[in-house]
């Protein structure tokens, strides 16, 4: 897992772009409609990023938030990341990605999950440049053309 250069920080917009690439590649197309305008392609899929800051106690030294990636058409694509930071001066957030840490299960992780694990293991900080965004992606898979 340490074959790449360690990133000291990443922006939420960059993380959103990485997740959108993952959704384009892995989204389940079995329930998507096929459009025939410029040749057969699947319908666009709406994806969103939302940051929900937890209500914190005045006396607490930490602030907590949840970063939510949601895919409208395939909930298996959804991800939640827990974030925290020291409330006195920290501008960047720490990433917590909860997944099974049993070494036998690594082969079942997808590329995005491995990417998140690397960020967490490297201690990569998250810079909050966006807190709410949405986009429409086009699945990489191409449907079989069928004309009835």
N, C-alpha and C. Protein backbone atom coordinates (compact mmCIF):
# COMPACT_ATOMS: atom_id res chain seq x y z
N UNK A 1 0.81 -1.21 0.00
CA UNK A 1 0.00 0.00 0.00
C UNK A 1 0.85 1.26 0.00
N UNK A 2 2.14 1.16 0.17
CA UNK A 2 2.97 2.35 0.26
C UNK A 2 3.81 2.51 -1.01
N UNK A 3 3.25 2.21 -2.16
CA UNK A 3 3.98 2.32 -3.41
C UNK A 3 3.92 3.73 -4.00
N UNK A 4 3.01 4.55 -3.52
CA UNK A 4 2.84 5.89 -4.08
C UNK A 4 3.36 6.95 -3.12
N UNK A 5 3.51 8.14 -3.67
CA UNK A 5 3.91 9.27 -2.84
C UNK A 5 2.76 9.62 -1.90
N UNK A 6 3.11 9.91 -0.67
CA UNK A 6 2.09 10.25 0.32
C UNK A 6 1.58 11.66 0.10
N UNK A 7 0.25 11.80 0.13
CA UNK A 7 -0.36 13.12 0.02
C UNK A 7 -0.54 13.68 1.43
N UNK A 8 -0.09 14.90 1.64
CA UNK A 8 -0.25 15.51 2.96
C UNK A 8 -1.67 16.00 3.17
N UNK A 9 -2.30 16.47 2.08
CA UNK A 9 -3.69 16.90 2.19
C UNK A 9 -4.40 16.70 0.86
N UNK A 10 -5.72 16.64 0.95
CA UNK A 10 -6.56 16.50 -0.24
C UNK A 10 -7.80 17.35 0.00
N UNK A 11 -8.32 17.93 -1.06
CA UNK A 11 -9.52 18.77 -0.96
C UNK A 11 -10.76 17.90 -1.14
N UNK A 12 -11.88 18.34 -0.56
CA UNK A 12 -13.11 17.57 -0.71
C UNK A 12 -13.51 17.49 -2.19
N UNK A 13 -13.23 18.54 -2.95
CA UNK A 13 -13.56 18.51 -4.38
C UNK A 13 -12.74 17.43 -5.11
N UNK A 14 -11.48 17.23 -4.73
CA UNK A 14 -10.64 16.19 -5.34
C UNK A 14 -11.15 14.80 -4.96
N UNK A 15 -11.55 14.66 -3.71
CA UNK A 15 -12.10 13.39 -3.24
C UNK A 15 -13.40 13.07 -3.98
N UNK A 16 -14.24 14.09 -4.19
CA UNK A 16 -15.49 13.93 -4.93
C UNK A 16 -15.19 13.47 -6.36
N UNK A 17 -14.17 14.04 -6.99
CA UNK A 17 -13.81 13.64 -8.36
C UNK A 17 -13.36 12.17 -8.40
N UNK A 18 -12.57 11.74 -7.42
CA UNK A 18 -12.13 10.35 -7.35
C UNK A 18 -13.33 9.41 -7.19
N UNK A 19 -14.28 9.81 -6.34
CA UNK A 19 -15.46 8.98 -6.12
C UNK A 19 -16.32 8.91 -7.38
N UNK A 20 -16.46 10.04 -8.09
CA UNK A 20 -17.24 10.04 -9.33
C UNK A 20 -16.63 9.09 -10.36
N UNK A 21 -15.30 9.04 -10.45
CA UNK A 21 -14.63 8.10 -11.36
C UNK A 21 -14.98 6.66 -10.97
N UNK A 22 -14.99 6.42 -9.66
CA UNK A 22 -15.35 5.08 -9.16
C UNK A 22 -16.78 4.73 -9.55
N UNK A 23 -17.71 5.66 -9.39
CA UNK A 23 -19.11 5.41 -9.73
C UNK A 23 -19.26 5.19 -11.23
N UNK A 24 -18.59 6.00 -12.05
CA UNK A 24 -18.65 5.82 -13.50
C UNK A 24 -18.25 4.40 -13.90
N UNK A 25 -17.26 3.88 -13.23
CA UNK A 25 -16.71 2.57 -13.56
C UNK A 25 -17.54 1.41 -12.98
N UNK A 26 -18.10 1.60 -11.77
CA UNK A 26 -18.68 0.47 -11.04
C UNK A 26 -20.20 0.50 -10.86
N UNK A 27 -20.88 1.57 -11.26
CA UNK A 27 -22.32 1.66 -11.01
C UNK A 27 -23.06 0.51 -11.68
N UNK A 28 -24.07 0.01 -10.98
CA UNK A 28 -24.91 -1.08 -11.49
C UNK A 28 -25.83 -0.51 -12.56
N UNK A 29 -25.70 -1.00 -13.78
CA UNK A 29 -26.48 -0.46 -14.90
C UNK A 29 -27.75 -1.26 -15.19
N UNK A 30 -27.99 -2.31 -14.42
CA UNK A 30 -29.13 -3.18 -14.72
C UNK A 30 -30.48 -2.47 -14.61
N UNK A 31 -30.57 -1.44 -13.80
CA UNK A 31 -31.83 -0.71 -13.63
C UNK A 31 -31.85 0.62 -14.37
N UNK A 32 -30.79 0.93 -15.11
CA UNK A 32 -30.72 2.21 -15.82
C UNK A 32 -31.39 2.11 -17.19
N UNK A 33 -32.00 3.20 -17.60
CA UNK A 33 -32.62 3.24 -18.92
C UNK A 33 -31.55 3.48 -19.97
N UNK A 34 -31.81 2.98 -21.15
CA UNK A 34 -30.90 3.18 -22.27
C UNK A 34 -31.44 4.31 -23.13
N UNK A 35 -30.56 5.24 -23.48
CA UNK A 35 -30.93 6.36 -24.34
C UNK A 35 -30.29 6.17 -25.70
N UNK A 36 -31.01 6.55 -26.76
CA UNK A 36 -30.54 6.29 -28.13
C UNK A 36 -30.30 7.57 -28.92
N UNK A 37 -30.17 8.72 -28.27
CA UNK A 37 -30.00 9.98 -28.99
C UNK A 37 -28.78 9.98 -29.91
N UNK A 38 -27.60 9.82 -29.34
CA UNK A 38 -26.35 9.81 -30.12
C UNK A 38 -25.72 8.43 -30.09
N UNK A 39 -26.52 7.43 -30.25
CA UNK A 39 -26.04 6.06 -30.11
C UNK A 39 -26.45 5.57 -28.73
N UNK A 40 -26.45 4.28 -28.51
CA UNK A 40 -26.92 3.76 -27.23
C UNK A 40 -25.98 4.13 -26.07
N UNK A 41 -26.55 4.66 -25.00
CA UNK A 41 -25.80 4.96 -23.78
C UNK A 41 -26.78 4.91 -22.62
N UNK A 42 -26.24 4.72 -21.44
CA UNK A 42 -27.09 4.70 -20.25
C UNK A 42 -27.44 6.12 -19.84
N UNK A 43 -28.57 6.25 -19.16
CA UNK A 43 -28.99 7.54 -18.65
C UNK A 43 -27.95 8.09 -17.67
N UNK A 44 -27.97 9.40 -17.48
CA UNK A 44 -27.07 10.03 -16.53
C UNK A 44 -27.47 9.64 -15.11
N UNK A 45 -26.47 9.54 -14.24
CA UNK A 45 -26.69 9.15 -12.86
C UNK A 45 -26.29 10.32 -11.95
N UNK A 46 -27.23 10.74 -11.10
CA UNK A 46 -26.94 11.86 -10.20
C UNK A 46 -26.16 11.37 -8.98
N UNK A 47 -25.10 12.11 -8.66
CA UNK A 47 -24.28 11.83 -7.49
C UNK A 47 -24.15 13.11 -6.66
N UNK A 48 -24.07 12.95 -5.34
CA UNK A 48 -23.97 14.12 -4.47
C UNK A 48 -22.91 13.93 -3.39
N UNK A 49 -22.38 15.05 -2.95
CA UNK A 49 -21.48 15.12 -1.82
C UNK A 49 -22.11 16.06 -0.81
N UNK A 50 -22.16 15.64 0.45
CA UNK A 50 -22.70 16.48 1.52
C UNK A 50 -21.82 16.34 2.75
N UNK A 51 -21.52 17.45 3.39
CA UNK A 51 -20.82 17.42 4.67
C UNK A 51 -21.81 17.83 5.75
N UNK A 52 -21.97 16.96 6.72
CA UNK A 52 -22.87 17.24 7.84
C UNK A 52 -22.03 17.40 9.09
N UNK A 53 -21.95 18.64 9.59
CA UNK A 53 -21.18 18.87 10.81
C UNK A 53 -22.02 18.48 12.01
N UNK A 54 -21.42 17.70 12.90
CA UNK A 54 -22.11 17.26 14.11
C UNK A 54 -22.19 18.42 15.10
N UNK A 55 -23.27 18.43 15.83
CA UNK A 55 -23.40 19.45 16.87
C UNK A 55 -22.42 19.09 17.97
N UNK A 56 -21.52 20.03 18.27
CA UNK A 56 -20.50 19.72 19.27
C UNK A 56 -20.77 20.46 20.58
N UNK A 57 -20.19 19.97 21.60
CA UNK A 57 -20.28 20.58 22.91
C UNK A 57 -19.29 21.73 23.00
N UNK A 58 -19.65 22.78 23.66
CA UNK A 58 -18.75 23.93 23.82
C UNK A 58 -17.46 23.53 24.52
N UNK A 59 -17.54 22.61 25.42
CA UNK A 59 -16.39 22.22 26.21
C UNK A 59 -15.50 21.19 25.53
N UNK A 60 -15.95 20.64 24.41
CA UNK A 60 -15.18 19.60 23.71
C UNK A 60 -14.00 20.22 22.96
N UNK A 61 -12.90 19.50 22.94
CA UNK A 61 -11.71 19.95 22.21
C UNK A 61 -11.75 19.57 20.74
N UNK A 62 -12.73 18.76 20.35
CA UNK A 62 -12.81 18.29 18.98
C UNK A 62 -14.13 18.66 18.32
N UNK A 63 -14.06 18.78 16.99
CA UNK A 63 -15.25 18.95 16.17
C UNK A 63 -15.35 17.71 15.29
N UNK A 64 -16.58 17.31 15.01
CA UNK A 64 -16.81 16.10 14.21
C UNK A 64 -17.74 16.43 13.05
N UNK A 65 -17.57 15.70 11.96
CA UNK A 65 -18.42 15.86 10.78
C UNK A 65 -18.51 14.53 10.05
N UNK A 66 -19.48 14.44 9.16
CA UNK A 66 -19.66 13.25 8.33
C UNK A 66 -19.67 13.70 6.87
N UNK A 67 -18.84 13.06 6.06
CA UNK A 67 -18.80 13.32 4.63
C UNK A 67 -19.57 12.20 3.95
N UNK A 68 -20.62 12.56 3.22
CA UNK A 68 -21.52 11.57 2.62
C UNK A 68 -21.45 11.68 1.10
N UNK A 69 -21.13 10.56 0.46
CA UNK A 69 -21.19 10.43 -1.00
C UNK A 69 -22.40 9.56 -1.31
N UNK A 70 -23.34 10.09 -2.11
CA UNK A 70 -24.53 9.31 -2.44
C UNK A 70 -24.74 9.24 -3.94
N UNK A 71 -25.15 8.05 -4.39
CA UNK A 71 -25.47 7.79 -5.78
C UNK A 71 -26.96 7.47 -5.84
N UNK A 72 -27.70 8.26 -6.61
CA UNK A 72 -29.16 8.12 -6.67
C UNK A 72 -29.61 6.76 -7.18
N UNK A 73 -28.90 6.19 -8.12
CA UNK A 73 -29.37 4.96 -8.79
C UNK A 73 -28.78 3.66 -8.25
N UNK A 74 -27.74 3.74 -7.39
CA UNK A 74 -27.11 2.53 -6.90
C UNK A 74 -26.54 2.78 -5.50
N UNK A 75 -27.30 2.38 -4.49
CA UNK A 75 -26.88 2.69 -3.13
C UNK A 75 -25.66 1.90 -2.68
N UNK A 76 -25.24 0.89 -3.42
CA UNK A 76 -24.00 0.18 -3.11
C UNK A 76 -22.78 1.08 -3.35
N UNK A 77 -22.96 2.15 -4.09
CA UNK A 77 -21.88 3.10 -4.37
C UNK A 77 -21.70 4.11 -3.24
N UNK A 78 -22.66 4.20 -2.33
CA UNK A 78 -22.63 5.21 -1.27
C UNK A 78 -21.49 4.97 -0.28
N UNK A 79 -20.90 6.08 0.19
CA UNK A 79 -19.82 6.03 1.18
C UNK A 79 -20.05 7.09 2.24
N UNK A 80 -19.64 6.76 3.46
CA UNK A 80 -19.66 7.72 4.56
C UNK A 80 -18.26 7.73 5.16
N UNK A 81 -17.73 8.93 5.32
CA UNK A 81 -16.44 9.10 6.00
C UNK A 81 -16.66 9.95 7.24
N UNK A 82 -16.12 9.50 8.35
CA UNK A 82 -16.17 10.27 9.59
C UNK A 82 -14.95 11.18 9.61
N UNK A 83 -15.16 12.42 10.00
CA UNK A 83 -14.10 13.42 10.06
C UNK A 83 -14.02 14.00 11.46
N UNK A 84 -12.82 14.40 11.86
CA UNK A 84 -12.66 15.09 13.13
C UNK A 84 -11.47 16.03 13.05
N UNK A 85 -11.49 17.05 13.88
CA UNK A 85 -10.36 17.97 13.97
C UNK A 85 -10.34 18.59 15.36
N UNK A 86 -9.17 19.03 15.74
CA UNK A 86 -8.98 19.74 16.99
C UNK A 86 -9.61 21.12 16.81
N UNK A 87 -10.54 21.47 17.65
CA UNK A 87 -11.31 22.71 17.44
C UNK A 87 -10.52 23.98 17.69
N UNK A 88 -9.40 23.90 18.35
CA UNK A 88 -8.60 25.09 18.64
C UNK A 88 -7.48 25.24 17.62
N UNK A 89 -7.80 25.71 16.45
CA UNK A 89 -6.76 26.05 15.48
C UNK A 89 -6.63 25.16 14.27
N UNK A 90 -7.07 23.92 14.31
CA UNK A 90 -6.95 23.07 13.12
C UNK A 90 -7.93 23.53 12.05
N UNK A 91 -7.43 23.67 10.82
CA UNK A 91 -8.30 24.03 9.71
C UNK A 91 -8.64 22.80 8.87
N UNK A 92 -7.74 21.82 8.89
CA UNK A 92 -7.96 20.62 8.10
C UNK A 92 -8.49 19.49 8.98
N UNK A 93 -9.22 18.59 8.35
CA UNK A 93 -9.88 17.50 9.05
C UNK A 93 -9.08 16.20 8.92
N UNK A 94 -9.20 15.33 9.90
CA UNK A 94 -8.65 13.98 9.85
C UNK A 94 -9.74 13.06 9.30
N UNK A 95 -9.33 12.09 8.49
CA UNK A 95 -10.26 11.16 7.85
C UNK A 95 -10.29 9.84 8.60
N UNK A 96 -11.48 9.34 8.85
CA UNK A 96 -11.65 8.01 9.43
C UNK A 96 -12.52 7.20 8.48
N UNK A 97 -11.95 6.12 7.95
CA UNK A 97 -12.69 5.25 7.05
C UNK A 97 -12.84 3.91 7.73
N UNK A 98 -14.05 3.54 8.09
CA UNK A 98 -14.31 2.27 8.77
C UNK A 98 -14.59 1.18 7.76
N UNK A 99 -13.77 0.15 7.80
CA UNK A 99 -13.98 -1.02 6.97
C UNK A 99 -13.35 -2.21 7.68
N UNK A 100 -13.66 -3.38 7.23
CA UNK A 100 -13.08 -4.58 7.83
C UNK A 100 -11.57 -4.56 7.62
N UNK A 101 -10.82 -4.62 8.68
CA UNK A 101 -9.37 -4.54 8.58
C UNK A 101 -8.72 -5.92 8.56
N UNK A 102 -9.50 -6.96 8.38
CA UNK A 102 -8.97 -8.31 8.28
C UNK A 102 -8.20 -8.41 6.97
N UNK A 103 -6.94 -8.74 7.02
CA UNK A 103 -6.08 -8.78 5.84
C UNK A 103 -6.63 -9.70 4.76
N UNK A 104 -7.39 -10.70 5.13
CA UNK A 104 -7.96 -11.63 4.15
C UNK A 104 -8.99 -10.95 3.27
N UNK A 105 -9.57 -9.85 3.73
CA UNK A 105 -10.64 -9.21 2.98
C UNK A 105 -10.15 -8.15 2.00
N UNK A 106 -8.84 -7.87 1.95
CA UNK A 106 -8.34 -6.83 1.04
C UNK A 106 -8.68 -7.10 -0.41
N UNK A 107 -8.72 -8.35 -0.81
CA UNK A 107 -9.02 -8.63 -2.21
C UNK A 107 -10.46 -8.30 -2.57
N UNK A 108 -11.32 -8.15 -1.58
CA UNK A 108 -12.72 -7.82 -1.84
C UNK A 108 -12.98 -6.31 -1.84
N UNK A 109 -11.96 -5.53 -1.51
CA UNK A 109 -12.12 -4.08 -1.50
C UNK A 109 -12.00 -3.54 -2.92
N UNK A 110 -12.78 -2.50 -3.22
CA UNK A 110 -12.66 -1.89 -4.53
C UNK A 110 -11.56 -0.82 -4.50
N UNK A 111 -11.23 -0.28 -5.65
CA UNK A 111 -10.14 0.69 -5.76
C UNK A 111 -10.37 1.93 -4.90
N UNK A 112 -11.62 2.39 -4.81
CA UNK A 112 -11.90 3.59 -4.03
C UNK A 112 -11.71 3.32 -2.54
N UNK A 113 -12.13 2.16 -2.07
CA UNK A 113 -11.93 1.80 -0.66
C UNK A 113 -10.45 1.72 -0.33
N UNK A 114 -9.66 1.17 -1.23
CA UNK A 114 -8.21 1.09 -1.01
C UNK A 114 -7.62 2.50 -1.00
N UNK A 115 -8.09 3.36 -1.89
CA UNK A 115 -7.65 4.76 -1.92
C UNK A 115 -7.94 5.44 -0.58
N UNK A 116 -9.15 5.23 -0.04
CA UNK A 116 -9.50 5.83 1.26
C UNK A 116 -8.65 5.27 2.39
N UNK A 117 -8.39 3.98 2.35
CA UNK A 117 -7.53 3.37 3.38
C UNK A 117 -6.13 3.97 3.34
N UNK A 118 -5.62 4.21 2.14
CA UNK A 118 -4.30 4.82 2.01
C UNK A 118 -4.30 6.22 2.60
N UNK A 119 -5.32 7.00 2.30
CA UNK A 119 -5.40 8.36 2.84
C UNK A 119 -5.38 8.33 4.36
N UNK A 120 -6.16 7.42 4.93
CA UNK A 120 -6.21 7.33 6.39
C UNK A 120 -4.87 6.86 6.96
N UNK A 121 -4.28 5.84 6.35
CA UNK A 121 -3.01 5.31 6.84
C UNK A 121 -1.88 6.32 6.73
N UNK A 122 -1.89 7.13 5.67
CA UNK A 122 -0.86 8.14 5.48
C UNK A 122 -1.07 9.36 6.37
N UNK A 123 -2.24 9.45 7.03
CA UNK A 123 -2.53 10.63 7.85
C UNK A 123 -2.85 11.84 7.00
N UNK A 124 -3.37 11.61 5.80
CA UNK A 124 -3.72 12.70 4.89
C UNK A 124 -4.83 13.54 5.50
N UNK A 125 -4.65 14.85 5.48
CA UNK A 125 -5.65 15.78 6.01
C UNK A 125 -6.62 16.17 4.90
N UNK A 126 -7.85 16.48 5.29
CA UNK A 126 -8.88 16.87 4.34
C UNK A 126 -9.14 18.36 4.46
N UNK A 127 -8.96 19.05 3.34
CA UNK A 127 -9.23 20.49 3.28
C UNK A 127 -10.64 20.67 2.72
N UNK A 128 -11.48 21.34 3.49
CA UNK A 128 -12.89 21.49 3.14
C UNK A 128 -13.08 22.68 2.19
N UNK A 129 -12.93 22.44 0.87
CA UNK A 129 -13.15 23.52 -0.08
C UNK A 129 -14.60 23.56 -0.58
N UNK A 130 -15.31 22.43 -0.49
CA UNK A 130 -16.75 22.40 -0.78
C UNK A 130 -17.42 21.55 0.30
N UNK A 131 -18.66 21.89 0.61
CA UNK A 131 -19.41 21.12 1.62
C UNK A 131 -20.70 20.54 1.07
N UNK A 132 -21.04 20.91 -0.16
CA UNK A 132 -22.27 20.43 -0.77
C UNK A 132 -22.11 20.55 -2.28
N UNK A 133 -22.28 19.46 -2.99
CA UNK A 133 -22.12 19.50 -4.44
C UNK A 133 -22.89 18.33 -5.04
N UNK A 134 -23.24 18.46 -6.30
CA UNK A 134 -23.88 17.36 -7.02
C UNK A 134 -23.44 17.42 -8.48
N UNK A 135 -23.58 16.31 -9.14
CA UNK A 135 -23.17 16.22 -10.53
C UNK A 135 -23.92 15.05 -11.16
N UNK A 136 -23.84 14.95 -12.46
CA UNK A 136 -24.39 13.81 -13.17
C UNK A 136 -23.25 13.14 -13.91
N UNK A 137 -23.15 11.84 -13.75
CA UNK A 137 -22.07 11.10 -14.41
C UNK A 137 -22.66 10.17 -15.45
N UNK A 138 -21.84 9.81 -16.41
CA UNK A 138 -22.23 8.85 -17.43
C UNK A 138 -21.49 7.56 -17.15
N UNK A 139 -22.20 6.46 -16.95
CA UNK A 139 -21.52 5.17 -16.71
C UNK A 139 -20.58 4.82 -17.87
N UNK A 140 -19.45 4.23 -17.53
CA UNK A 140 -18.49 3.80 -18.56
C UNK A 140 -19.03 2.64 -19.39
N UNK A 141 -19.86 1.80 -18.78
CA UNK A 141 -20.41 0.64 -19.48
C UNK A 141 -21.28 1.11 -20.65
N UNK A 142 -21.22 0.35 -21.74
CA UNK A 142 -22.05 0.68 -22.90
C UNK A 142 -23.10 -0.41 -23.08
N UNK A 143 -24.34 0.01 -23.27
CA UNK A 143 -25.41 -0.99 -23.43
C UNK A 143 -25.39 -1.61 -24.82
N UNK A 144 -25.98 -2.78 -24.90
CA UNK A 144 -26.17 -3.43 -26.18
C UNK A 144 -27.33 -2.72 -26.88
N UNK A 145 -27.16 -2.40 -28.12
CA UNK A 145 -28.23 -1.74 -28.87
C UNK A 145 -29.29 -2.79 -29.23
N UNK A 146 -30.55 -2.45 -28.90
CA UNK A 146 -31.65 -3.34 -29.30
C UNK A 146 -32.79 -2.47 -29.79
N UNK A 147 -33.24 -2.72 -30.97
CA UNK A 147 -34.30 -1.94 -31.55
C UNK A 147 -35.53 -2.83 -31.69
N UNK A 148 -36.63 -2.37 -31.09
CA UNK A 148 -37.85 -3.17 -31.13
C UNK A 148 -38.84 -2.59 -32.09
